């Protein structure tokens, strides 16, 4: 009788194991192209740049002055599309701190040159 009981226990265990295998979670995998990989890496770099910029204390303070919390900003950056991230990065790159330094230096040099030519100053004769 114990052999029969042992056989039933083993049979039930095997039946449960077979059924349980059918409910195993499915993990799908697919091959991604190098272009998709590069796009993901570029996006990650752009997002990291934005996060680094927005994490600065002066930027965070200005955003708080506008009534936006740091958590809201980070959530919005995470939900941005690639086009929005690119547009924001381009806008930031166009508005560099300090403006166009070469244009300012050129304007100052031109003013000094004109003042020297009309005889108002003697800047270049001392060199």
N, C-alpha and C. Protein backbone atom coordinates (compact mmCIF):
# COMPACT_ATOMS: atom_id res chain seq x y z
N UNK A 1 0.80 -1.17 0.00
CA UNK A 1 0.00 0.00 0.00
C UNK A 1 0.86 1.26 0.00
N UNK A 2 1.98 1.23 0.59
CA UNK A 2 2.83 2.40 0.62
C UNK A 2 3.41 2.70 -0.75
N UNK A 3 3.66 1.67 -1.53
CA UNK A 3 4.16 1.88 -2.88
C UNK A 3 3.10 2.55 -3.73
N UNK A 4 1.87 2.15 -3.59
CA UNK A 4 0.77 2.75 -4.33
C UNK A 4 0.59 4.21 -3.89
N UNK A 5 0.69 4.46 -2.60
CA UNK A 5 0.56 5.82 -2.09
C UNK A 5 1.72 6.69 -2.59
N UNK A 6 2.93 6.16 -2.59
CA UNK A 6 4.09 6.87 -3.10
C UNK A 6 3.95 7.14 -4.58
N UNK A 7 3.41 6.21 -5.33
CA UNK A 7 3.21 6.40 -6.76
C UNK A 7 2.22 7.53 -7.01
N UNK A 8 1.15 7.58 -6.24
CA UNK A 8 0.17 8.66 -6.41
C UNK A 8 0.78 10.02 -6.07
N UNK A 9 1.57 10.09 -5.04
CA UNK A 9 2.19 11.36 -4.65
C UNK A 9 3.14 11.83 -5.74
N UNK A 10 3.94 10.94 -6.27
CA UNK A 10 4.88 11.29 -7.34
C UNK A 10 4.12 11.70 -8.59
N UNK A 11 3.07 10.98 -8.93
CA UNK A 11 2.28 11.30 -10.12
C UNK A 11 1.63 12.68 -9.97
N UNK A 12 1.11 12.98 -8.81
CA UNK A 12 0.49 14.30 -8.59
C UNK A 12 1.54 15.41 -8.65
N UNK A 13 2.71 15.16 -8.07
CA UNK A 13 3.78 16.15 -8.10
C UNK A 13 4.23 16.43 -9.54
N UNK A 14 4.37 15.38 -10.33
CA UNK A 14 4.76 15.54 -11.73
C UNK A 14 3.67 16.29 -12.50
N UNK A 15 2.40 15.98 -12.23
CA UNK A 15 1.30 16.67 -12.91
C UNK A 15 1.29 18.16 -12.57
N UNK A 16 1.49 18.49 -11.31
CA UNK A 16 1.53 19.90 -10.91
C UNK A 16 2.73 20.59 -11.54
N UNK A 17 3.86 19.94 -11.60
CA UNK A 17 5.05 20.53 -12.20
C UNK A 17 4.85 20.79 -13.68
N UNK A 18 4.21 19.86 -14.38
CA UNK A 18 3.96 20.04 -15.82
C UNK A 18 3.02 21.22 -16.05
N UNK A 19 1.98 21.33 -15.24
CA UNK A 19 1.04 22.44 -15.37
C UNK A 19 1.74 23.76 -15.03
N UNK A 20 2.56 23.77 -14.01
CA UNK A 20 3.25 24.99 -13.59
C UNK A 20 4.23 25.48 -14.65
N UNK A 21 4.82 24.57 -15.39
CA UNK A 21 5.75 24.97 -16.45
C UNK A 21 5.02 25.75 -17.52
N UNK A 22 3.76 25.41 -17.76
CA UNK A 22 2.98 26.13 -18.76
C UNK A 22 2.67 27.56 -18.36
N UNK A 23 2.72 27.89 -17.08
CA UNK A 23 2.45 29.24 -16.60
C UNK A 23 3.72 30.05 -16.34
N UNK A 24 4.84 29.57 -16.79
CA UNK A 24 6.09 30.29 -16.58
C UNK A 24 6.05 31.62 -17.33
N UNK A 25 6.61 32.66 -16.75
CA UNK A 25 6.59 33.97 -17.43
C UNK A 25 7.40 33.91 -18.72
N UNK A 26 6.90 34.62 -19.69
CA UNK A 26 7.54 34.64 -21.00
C UNK A 26 8.43 35.88 -21.08
N UNK A 27 9.67 35.68 -21.40
CA UNK A 27 10.60 36.79 -21.58
C UNK A 27 11.00 36.80 -23.05
N UNK A 28 10.46 37.75 -23.79
CA UNK A 28 10.78 37.84 -25.20
C UNK A 28 12.05 38.63 -25.43
N UNK A 29 12.78 38.23 -26.39
CA UNK A 29 14.01 38.93 -26.75
C UNK A 29 14.03 39.12 -28.25
N UNK A 30 14.56 40.22 -28.66
CA UNK A 30 14.65 40.50 -30.09
C UNK A 30 15.99 41.14 -30.37
N UNK A 31 16.39 41.03 -31.59
CA UNK A 31 17.64 41.64 -32.02
C UNK A 31 17.37 43.10 -32.32
N UNK A 32 18.22 43.99 -31.78
CA UNK A 32 18.08 45.40 -32.09
C UNK A 32 19.19 45.81 -33.05
N UNK A 33 18.88 46.77 -33.87
CA UNK A 33 19.86 47.21 -34.86
C UNK A 33 20.87 48.14 -34.19
N UNK A 34 22.05 48.27 -34.79
CA UNK A 34 23.04 49.21 -34.25
C UNK A 34 22.51 50.65 -34.22
N UNK A 35 21.67 51.00 -35.19
CA UNK A 35 21.12 52.35 -35.23
C UNK A 35 20.22 52.60 -34.01
N UNK A 36 19.40 51.62 -33.65
CA UNK A 36 18.56 51.76 -32.46
C UNK A 36 19.40 51.89 -31.20
N UNK A 37 20.47 51.12 -31.13
CA UNK A 37 21.37 51.18 -29.97
C UNK A 37 22.02 52.56 -29.87
N UNK A 38 22.48 53.08 -31.01
CA UNK A 38 23.11 54.40 -31.02
C UNK A 38 22.10 55.47 -30.63
N UNK A 39 20.87 55.37 -31.15
CA UNK A 39 19.84 56.35 -30.80
C UNK A 39 19.54 56.32 -29.30
N UNK A 40 19.50 55.14 -28.73
CA UNK A 40 19.26 55.02 -27.29
C UNK A 40 20.40 55.65 -26.49
N UNK A 41 21.64 55.44 -26.95
CA UNK A 41 22.79 56.00 -26.25
C UNK A 41 22.82 57.52 -26.37
N UNK A 42 22.49 58.04 -27.56
CA UNK A 42 22.47 59.49 -27.77
C UNK A 42 21.39 60.11 -26.91
N UNK A 43 20.23 59.48 -26.86
CA UNK A 43 19.15 59.99 -26.01
C UNK A 43 19.58 60.01 -24.54
N UNK A 44 20.22 58.93 -24.11
CA UNK A 44 20.67 58.86 -22.72
C UNK A 44 21.68 59.96 -22.40
N UNK A 45 22.58 60.26 -23.35
CA UNK A 45 23.55 61.33 -23.15
C UNK A 45 22.86 62.69 -23.07
N UNK A 46 21.90 62.92 -23.95
CA UNK A 46 21.18 64.20 -23.95
C UNK A 46 20.39 64.37 -22.65
N UNK A 47 19.73 63.31 -22.23
CA UNK A 47 18.95 63.38 -20.98
C UNK A 47 19.89 63.61 -19.80
N UNK A 48 21.04 62.94 -19.79
CA UNK A 48 22.00 63.13 -18.70
C UNK A 48 22.51 64.57 -18.68
N UNK A 49 22.73 65.17 -19.84
CA UNK A 49 23.15 66.56 -19.90
C UNK A 49 22.09 67.50 -19.35
N UNK A 50 20.84 67.25 -19.70
CA UNK A 50 19.75 68.07 -19.18
C UNK A 50 19.61 67.91 -17.67
N UNK A 51 19.71 66.68 -17.20
CA UNK A 51 19.59 66.43 -15.77
C UNK A 51 20.72 67.13 -15.02
N UNK A 52 21.94 67.08 -15.57
CA UNK A 52 23.08 67.74 -14.92
C UNK A 52 22.86 69.25 -14.88
N UNK A 53 22.34 69.81 -15.97
CA UNK A 53 22.07 71.24 -16.01
C UNK A 53 20.98 71.62 -15.02
N UNK A 54 19.91 70.85 -14.99
CA UNK A 54 18.80 71.17 -14.11
C UNK A 54 19.10 70.88 -12.64
N UNK A 55 20.12 70.09 -12.37
CA UNK A 55 20.48 69.77 -10.99
C UNK A 55 21.35 70.85 -10.36
N UNK A 56 21.85 71.78 -11.18
CA UNK A 56 22.66 72.87 -10.61
C UNK A 56 21.82 73.70 -9.66
N UNK A 57 22.45 74.20 -8.62
CA UNK A 57 21.70 74.91 -7.57
C UNK A 57 21.08 76.20 -8.10
N UNK A 58 21.79 76.94 -8.96
CA UNK A 58 21.22 78.19 -9.45
C UNK A 58 20.03 77.96 -10.37
N UNK A 59 20.10 76.92 -11.18
CA UNK A 59 18.98 76.58 -12.07
C UNK A 59 17.80 76.09 -11.24
N UNK A 60 18.07 75.23 -10.26
CA UNK A 60 17.00 74.72 -9.41
C UNK A 60 16.33 75.85 -8.64
N UNK A 61 17.12 76.81 -8.18
CA UNK A 61 16.55 77.95 -7.46
C UNK A 61 15.66 78.78 -8.36
N UNK A 62 16.10 79.02 -9.60
CA UNK A 62 15.29 79.81 -10.53
C UNK A 62 14.00 79.07 -10.88
N UNK A 63 14.07 77.76 -11.04
CA UNK A 63 12.86 76.99 -11.32
C UNK A 63 11.90 77.06 -10.13
N UNK A 64 12.44 77.01 -8.92
CA UNK A 64 11.58 77.12 -7.74
C UNK A 64 10.94 78.51 -7.66
N UNK A 65 11.67 79.53 -8.12
CA UNK A 65 11.09 80.88 -8.16
C UNK A 65 9.91 80.94 -9.12
N UNK A 66 9.96 80.12 -10.18
CA UNK A 66 8.85 80.05 -11.13
C UNK A 66 7.73 79.14 -10.63
N UNK A 67 7.95 78.46 -9.51
CA UNK A 67 6.92 77.61 -8.93
C UNK A 67 6.95 76.17 -9.41
N UNK A 68 8.12 75.73 -9.88
CA UNK A 68 8.26 74.36 -10.39
C UNK A 68 9.23 73.63 -9.48
N UNK A 69 8.83 72.46 -8.99
CA UNK A 69 9.71 71.69 -8.12
C UNK A 69 10.68 70.86 -8.96
N UNK A 70 11.76 70.44 -8.33
CA UNK A 70 12.78 69.64 -9.02
C UNK A 70 12.21 68.29 -9.46
N UNK A 71 11.32 67.72 -8.64
CA UNK A 71 10.72 66.44 -9.00
C UNK A 71 9.86 66.56 -10.26
N UNK A 72 9.11 67.66 -10.37
CA UNK A 72 8.29 67.87 -11.56
C UNK A 72 9.16 68.02 -12.80
N UNK A 73 10.28 68.71 -12.65
CA UNK A 73 11.18 68.91 -13.79
C UNK A 73 11.76 67.57 -14.24
N UNK A 74 12.23 66.77 -13.30
CA UNK A 74 12.83 65.48 -13.65
C UNK A 74 11.79 64.55 -14.27
N UNK A 75 10.57 64.59 -13.76
CA UNK A 75 9.50 63.77 -14.34
C UNK A 75 9.22 64.21 -15.78
N UNK A 76 9.21 65.51 -16.01
CA UNK A 76 8.95 66.04 -17.36
C UNK A 76 10.08 65.66 -18.31
N UNK A 77 11.32 65.72 -17.84
CA UNK A 77 12.46 65.34 -18.69
C UNK A 77 12.38 63.87 -19.06
N UNK A 78 11.98 63.03 -18.11
CA UNK A 78 11.84 61.60 -18.40
C UNK A 78 10.76 61.32 -19.44
N UNK A 79 9.72 62.17 -19.49
CA UNK A 79 8.61 61.96 -20.41
C UNK A 79 8.76 62.69 -21.73
N UNK A 80 9.86 63.40 -21.94
CA UNK A 80 10.05 64.15 -23.17
C UNK A 80 10.37 63.21 -24.33
N UNK A 81 9.91 63.60 -25.52
CA UNK A 81 10.26 62.84 -26.72
C UNK A 81 11.66 63.22 -27.17
N UNK A 82 12.19 62.46 -28.11
CA UNK A 82 13.52 62.77 -28.63
C UNK A 82 13.56 64.14 -29.29
N UNK A 83 12.50 64.49 -30.01
CA UNK A 83 12.45 65.79 -30.69
C UNK A 83 12.44 66.93 -29.67
N UNK A 84 11.71 66.76 -28.57
CA UNK A 84 11.66 67.80 -27.54
C UNK A 84 13.02 67.97 -26.86
N UNK A 85 13.68 66.86 -26.60
CA UNK A 85 15.00 66.92 -25.97
C UNK A 85 15.99 67.62 -26.90
N UNK A 86 15.95 67.28 -28.18
CA UNK A 86 16.85 67.91 -29.15
C UNK A 86 16.57 69.40 -29.26
N UNK A 87 15.29 69.79 -29.30
CA UNK A 87 14.94 71.21 -29.40
C UNK A 87 15.41 71.97 -28.16
N UNK A 88 15.24 71.39 -26.99
CA UNK A 88 15.67 72.05 -25.76
C UNK A 88 17.19 72.19 -25.71
N UNK A 89 17.91 71.13 -26.10
CA UNK A 89 19.37 71.20 -26.13
C UNK A 89 19.84 72.26 -27.11
N UNK A 90 19.21 72.35 -28.28
CA UNK A 90 19.58 73.37 -29.26
C UNK A 90 19.32 74.77 -28.73
N UNK A 91 18.19 74.96 -28.06
CA UNK A 91 17.87 76.27 -27.48
C UNK A 91 18.88 76.65 -26.40
N UNK A 92 19.30 75.69 -25.60
CA UNK A 92 20.30 75.96 -24.56
C UNK A 92 21.64 76.30 -25.19
N UNK A 93 22.02 75.58 -26.24
CA UNK A 93 23.30 75.83 -26.90
C UNK A 93 23.33 77.20 -27.58
N UNK A 94 22.21 77.67 -28.08
CA UNK A 94 22.17 78.96 -28.75
C UNK A 94 22.27 80.12 -27.77
N UNK A 95 21.82 79.92 -26.55
CA UNK A 95 21.83 80.98 -25.55
C UNK A 95 22.93 80.73 -24.54
N UNK A 96 24.16 80.89 -25.00
CA UNK A 96 25.31 80.63 -24.17
C UNK A 96 25.47 81.78 -23.17
N UNK A 97 25.89 81.44 -21.97
CA UNK A 97 26.11 82.46 -20.95
C UNK A 97 27.22 83.41 -21.40
N UNK A 98 26.98 84.69 -21.29
CA UNK A 98 27.99 85.67 -21.68
C UNK A 98 27.82 86.15 -23.10
N UNK A 99 26.95 85.55 -23.87
CA UNK A 99 26.72 85.98 -25.25
C UNK A 99 27.91 85.68 -26.14
N UNK A 100 28.03 86.45 -27.21
CA UNK A 100 29.10 86.26 -28.17
C UNK A 100 30.29 87.10 -27.75
N UNK A 101 31.25 86.49 -27.11
CA UNK A 101 32.40 87.19 -26.53
C UNK A 101 33.25 87.82 -27.62
N UNK A 102 33.44 87.13 -28.73
CA UNK A 102 34.26 87.68 -29.81
C UNK A 102 33.66 88.96 -30.39
N UNK A 103 32.36 89.02 -30.49
CA UNK A 103 31.72 90.23 -31.00
C UNK A 103 31.93 91.40 -30.04
N UNK A 104 31.86 91.15 -28.75
CA UNK A 104 32.08 92.20 -27.76
C UNK A 104 33.52 92.70 -27.81
N UNK A 105 34.47 91.77 -27.88
CA UNK A 105 35.88 92.15 -27.97
C UNK A 105 36.14 92.94 -29.24
N UNK A 106 35.56 92.50 -30.35
CA UNK A 106 35.73 93.22 -31.62
C UNK A 106 35.15 94.62 -31.56
N UNK A 107 33.99 94.78 -30.93
CA UNK A 107 33.37 96.10 -30.82
C UNK A 107 34.23 97.03 -29.96
N UNK A 108 34.77 96.53 -28.86
CA UNK A 108 35.63 97.34 -28.00
C UNK A 108 36.89 97.75 -28.76
N UNK A 109 37.49 96.82 -29.50
CA UNK A 109 38.68 97.13 -30.28
C UNK A 109 38.38 98.18 -31.34
N UNK A 110 37.24 98.07 -31.99
CA UNK A 110 36.85 99.03 -33.02
C UNK A 110 36.65 100.42 -32.42
N UNK A 111 36.01 100.50 -31.26
CA UNK A 111 35.82 101.80 -30.60
C UNK A 111 37.17 102.40 -30.22
N UNK A 112 38.06 101.60 -29.67
CA UNK A 112 39.38 102.10 -29.30
C UNK A 112 40.17 102.56 -30.53
N UNK A 113 40.04 101.84 -31.63
CA UNK A 113 40.72 102.22 -32.86
C UNK A 113 40.20 103.54 -33.40
N UNK A 114 38.89 103.72 -33.39
CA UNK A 114 38.30 104.98 -33.86
C UNK A 114 38.74 106.14 -32.96
N UNK A 115 38.73 105.93 -31.64
CA UNK A 115 39.16 106.98 -30.72
C UNK A 115 40.63 107.32 -30.93
N UNK A 116 41.45 106.35 -31.26
CA UNK A 116 42.87 106.58 -31.52
C UNK A 116 43.05 107.37 -32.82
N UNK A 117 42.26 107.03 -33.83
CA UNK A 117 42.41 107.71 -35.13
C UNK A 117 41.97 109.17 -35.08
N UNK A 118 40.95 109.49 -34.31
CA UNK A 118 40.50 110.87 -34.22
C UNK A 118 41.30 111.66 -33.19
N UNK A 119 42.18 111.02 -32.47
CA UNK A 119 43.09 111.72 -31.57
C UNK A 119 42.53 111.92 -30.18
N UNK A 120 41.48 111.26 -29.82
CA UNK A 120 40.92 111.40 -28.48
C UNK A 120 41.80 110.68 -27.45
N UNK A 121 42.35 109.54 -27.81
CA UNK A 121 43.17 108.77 -26.88
C UNK A 121 44.53 108.50 -27.50
N UNK A 122 45.46 108.06 -26.66
CA UNK A 122 46.80 107.67 -27.09
C UNK A 122 47.07 106.25 -26.61
N UNK A 123 46.19 105.33 -26.86
CA UNK A 123 46.34 103.97 -26.34
C UNK A 123 47.39 103.18 -27.10
N UNK A 124 47.35 103.21 -28.43
CA UNK A 124 48.21 102.35 -29.21
C UNK A 124 49.63 102.89 -29.37
N UNK A 125 49.85 104.15 -29.11
CA UNK A 125 51.20 104.72 -29.25
C UNK A 125 52.11 104.29 -28.09
N UNK A 126 51.54 103.88 -26.97
CA UNK A 126 52.34 103.48 -25.82
C UNK A 126 52.88 102.06 -25.96
N UNK A 127 52.43 101.31 -26.94
CA UNK A 127 52.90 99.93 -27.10
C UNK A 127 54.16 99.89 -27.88
